[in-house]
Amino acid sequence: MGERQQIIYMQTRLIRLAAETWKQPVERIAELFTKYNVLQYIEEGFGIFYVEGDEAILDDITTYLMNKGAKDDEGIIK
């Protein structure tokens, strides 16, 4: 699997994990990730994220979103 495919696979896993963790529909998480450029953030951080577990990456994404104001805006991040 090429790097681009690995990035897409990671983005997909993290959308599903966020949906499960935050108890939200996948569609809402996808909208949130799009609005705050999380997919690009994952792509840019792939080299570092590649060696971390998905839960650790989701913690990082949560911090990223909170720093962008998503918690107040969306009210779904735990």
C-alpha atoms as a PDB file:
ATOM      1  CA  MET A   1       0.000   0.000   0.000  1.00  0.00           C
ATOM      2  CA  GLY A   2       1.382   3.392  -0.994  1.00  0.00           C
ATOM      3  CA  GLU A   3       1.674   6.331   1.375  1.00  0.00           C
ATOM      4  CA  ARG A   4      -1.357   8.114  -0.095  1.00  0.00           C
ATOM      5  CA  GLN A   5      -3.501   5.022   0.497  1.00  0.00           C
ATOM      6  CA  GLN A   6      -2.172   4.727   4.050  1.00  0.00           C
ATOM      7  CA  ILE A   7      -3.115   8.356   4.727  1.00  0.00           C
ATOM      8  CA  ILE A   8      -6.652   7.823   3.423  1.00  0.00           C
ATOM      9  CA  TYR A   9      -6.961   4.650   5.484  1.00  0.00           C
ATOM     10  CA  MET A  10      -5.809   6.530   8.614  1.00  0.00           C
ATOM     11  CA  GLN A  11      -8.239   9.397   7.957  1.00  0.00           C
ATOM     12  CA  THR A  12     -11.098   6.918   7.582  1.00  0.00           C
ATOM     13  CA  ARG A  13     -10.183   5.050  10.776  1.00  0.00           C
ATOM     14  CA  LEU A  14     -10.029   8.295  12.710  1.00  0.00           C
ATOM     15  CA  ILE A  15     -13.392   9.521  11.443  1.00  0.00           C
ATOM     16  CA  ARG A  16     -14.957   6.249  12.572  1.00  0.00           C
ATOM     17  CA  LEU A  17     -13.141   6.316  15.929  1.00  0.00           C
ATOM     18  CA  ALA A  18     -14.235   9.915  16.563  1.00  0.00           C
ATOM     19  CA  ALA A  19     -17.833   9.030  15.689  1.00  0.00           C
ATOM     20  CA  GLU A  20     -17.768   6.119  18.122  1.00  0.00           C
ATOM     21  CA  THR A  21     -15.955   8.013  20.872  1.00  0.00           C
ATOM     22  CA  TRP A  22     -18.058  11.181  20.595  1.00  0.00           C
ATOM     23  CA  LYS A  23     -21.269   9.230  19.928  1.00  0.00           C
ATOM     24  CA  GLN A  24     -22.046  11.115  16.743  1.00  0.00           C
ATOM     25  CA  PRO A  25     -22.971  10.002  13.224  1.00  0.00           C
ATOM     26  CA  VAL A  26     -20.049   9.518  10.855  1.00  0.00           C
ATOM     27  CA  GLU A  27     -21.535  12.190   8.584  1.00  0.00           C
ATOM     28  CA  ARG A  28     -21.380  14.804  11.332  1.00  0.00           C
ATOM     29  CA  ILE A  29     -17.777  13.929  12.143  1.00  0.00           C
ATOM     30  CA  ALA A  30     -16.874  14.122   8.444  1.00  0.00           C
ATOM     31  CA  GLU A  31     -18.428  17.601   8.295  1.00  0.00           C
ATOM     32  CA  LEU A  32     -16.516  18.669  11.414  1.00  0.00           C
ATOM     33  CA  PHE A  33     -13.242  17.288  10.053  1.00  0.00           C
ATOM     34  CA  THR A  34     -13.834  19.077   6.753  1.00  0.00           C
ATOM     35  CA  LYS A  35     -14.796  22.383   8.369  1.00  0.00           C
ATOM     36  CA  TYR A  36     -11.648  22.450  10.511  1.00  0.00           C
ATOM     37  CA  ASN A  37      -9.273  20.901   7.933  1.00  0.00           C
ATOM     38  CA  VAL A  38      -8.593  17.855  10.103  1.00  0.00           C
ATOM     39  CA  LEU A  39      -8.051  15.610   7.091  1.00  0.00           C
ATOM     40  CA  GLN A  40      -5.275  17.919   5.917  1.00  0.00           C
ATOM     41  CA  TYR A  41      -3.903  18.003   9.473  1.00  0.00           C
ATOM     42  CA  ILE A  42      -3.744  14.194   9.479  1.00  0.00           C
ATOM     43  CA  GLU A  43      -2.033  14.188   6.097  1.00  0.00           C
ATOM     44  CA  GLU A  44       0.547  16.755   7.198  1.00  0.00           C
ATOM     45  CA  GLY A  45       1.223  14.893  10.460  1.00  0.00           C
ATOM     46  CA  PHE A  46       1.185  11.426   8.923  1.00  0.00           C
ATOM     47  CA  GLY A  47       4.918  10.866   9.428  1.00  0.00           C
ATOM     48  CA  ILE A  48       4.522  11.331  13.187  1.00  0.00           C
ATOM     49  CA  PHE A  49       1.026   9.853  13.485  1.00  0.00           C
ATOM     50  CA  TYR A  50       2.124   6.719  11.644  1.00  0.00           C
ATOM     51  CA  VAL A  51       3.982   5.483  14.747  1.00  0.00           C
ATOM     52  CA  GLU A  52       1.195   6.331  17.211  1.00  0.00           C
ATOM     53  CA  GLY A  53      -1.969   4.450  18.023  1.00  0.00           C
ATOM     54  CA  ASP A  54      -5.330   5.738  16.819  1.00  0.00           C
ATOM     55  CA  GLU A  55      -6.421   6.750  20.344  1.00  0.00           C
ATOM     56  CA  ALA A  56      -3.311   8.918  20.752  1.00  0.00           C
ATOM     57  CA  ILE A  57      -3.928  10.514  17.367  1.00  0.00           C
ATOM     58  CA  LEU A  58      -7.567  11.191  18.292  1.00  0.00           C
ATOM     59  CA  ASP A  59      -6.373  12.880  21.501  1.00  0.00           C
ATOM     60  CA  ASP A  60      -4.129  15.096  19.385  1.00  0.00           C
ATOM     61  CA  ILE A  61      -6.984  15.851  16.981  1.00  0.00           C
ATOM     62  CA  THR A  62      -9.237  16.700  19.931  1.00  0.00           C
ATOM     63  CA  THR A  63      -6.686  19.226  21.174  1.00  0.00           C
ATOM     64  CA  TYR A  64      -6.313  20.608  17.644  1.00  0.00           C
ATOM     65  CA  LEU A  65     -10.086  21.042  17.318  1.00  0.00           C
ATOM     66  CA  MET A  66     -10.433  22.658  20.739  1.00  0.00           C
ATOM     67  CA  ASN A  67      -7.638  25.108  19.851  1.00  0.00           C
ATOM     68  CA  LYS A  68      -9.590  25.944  16.679  1.00  0.00           C
ATOM     69  CA  GLY A  69     -12.724  26.626  18.742  1.00  0.00           C
ATOM     70  CA  ALA A  70     -14.621  23.539  17.638  1.00  0.00           C
ATOM     71  CA  LYS A  71     -15.778  22.573  21.124  1.00  0.00           C
ATOM     72  CA  ASP A  72     -17.788  25.757  21.499  1.00  0.00           C
ATOM     73  CA  ASP A  73     -18.874  25.734  17.866  1.00  0.00           C
ATOM     74  CA  GLU A  74     -19.919  22.097  17.592  1.00  0.00           C
ATOM     75  CA  GLY A  75     -20.572  21.043  21.197  1.00  0.00           C
ATOM     76  CA  ILE A  76     -19.709  17.417  20.477  1.00  0.00           C
ATOM     77  CA  ILE A  77     -16.063  17.003  21.432  1.00  0.00           C
ATOM     78  CA  LYS A  78     -15.614  15.267  24.746  1.00  0.00           C
END
